[in-house]
Amino acid sequence: MIVERIFPPDSKFYNRNRNRFSDFGKKLDAISITQLFSIWTLTVSGFVLGSGQENRFVYMDWTGWEYGLIKLIAVTVLFYFILKPKSFWIAGLKRLSGSEIFLHTFIALLLILIGWIDHRASIANFIGITPYVFAFMGCLFAFQVNLEYDETKGEWYNFDWDQKEQNFLFSTLSLSAAVILGFYFDDPIISTAGMVTLPFPLITLIWPNRIRHLQRVRFYPLFIFAMFLCVRAPWFFIPIALLFYMLRVVNYFRYGIVYPSFGVDFSDDL
């Protein structure tokens, strides 16, 4: 990271501003800002779906970016004033019960609809949302296995494998359904993103004793889906990149590590 090279931990600027960034980081943690990645990605999924239903061959299209940003602002307000205060959206924070998984899937559908509904939307095309819902479920099941990150040490800990086979089997089946339905509805975005993502839960299911597989299945699917959405809606890369790199800079000054990161542990005993 460039900031790490410019302001190493032993620099005056780093030490002078560390407390300031630490206080700011605590405020970001309190509002669960990282959950915006999933909220925004689901919303833009609907936006991209609508674009593809209007023109199957549209790519790198900036048309409607202002409406897309308005929708991101709208779902952000929805998250901070309704979903978060009432604990409706806690994906990734704990293992969910069956009713909570159903509730999160319903909210995911609602977010996709917010992104999808506009002048192009048609009831006849509503069924095209189905593979996106299955893709979300595939990612959600991957988060049902507990894994926590100690930001101060840069280590993963307190993970367990209860119901691992069941969760990753459901994740694999859900992503497979997303791929198949994506082909059926002639949606190259969801079908291709699903194929790229599918090996992560499948490998974790086959080789369960490597924590690096669990790290990948939690880190990469959301990133992959977001990047494929940017193929049709390149403007989406700007808000997610700003959020991603802001968190990296803040956490670097807080802990001296680069986080969030896509790094994994390669120790043989993990």
Foldseek 3Di string as FASTA:
>chain_A
DVVCVVAPCVHPVLVVCLVVLQVVVVVCVVQVVVCLLLLLLLLLLQQLLLVCVVPVPFWLDQPPVVVSVVLSVVSVCVCRPPCPVVVLDCQLPAADDPVSLVSVLVVSLVSSCSNNDDPSDDPVCSCLCQLVSLQVLLLRLLSNWDWDADLQVRDIDDTDCVCVLVSLVSSLVSLVVSLVSCVVVVRCLSNVLSVVLNVLSVVCNVVVQFVQSSLCSNPPSSVSSQVSSCRNNVSSCVVVVVVQVVSQVSSCSNRVDGPPDSDGDDDPRD
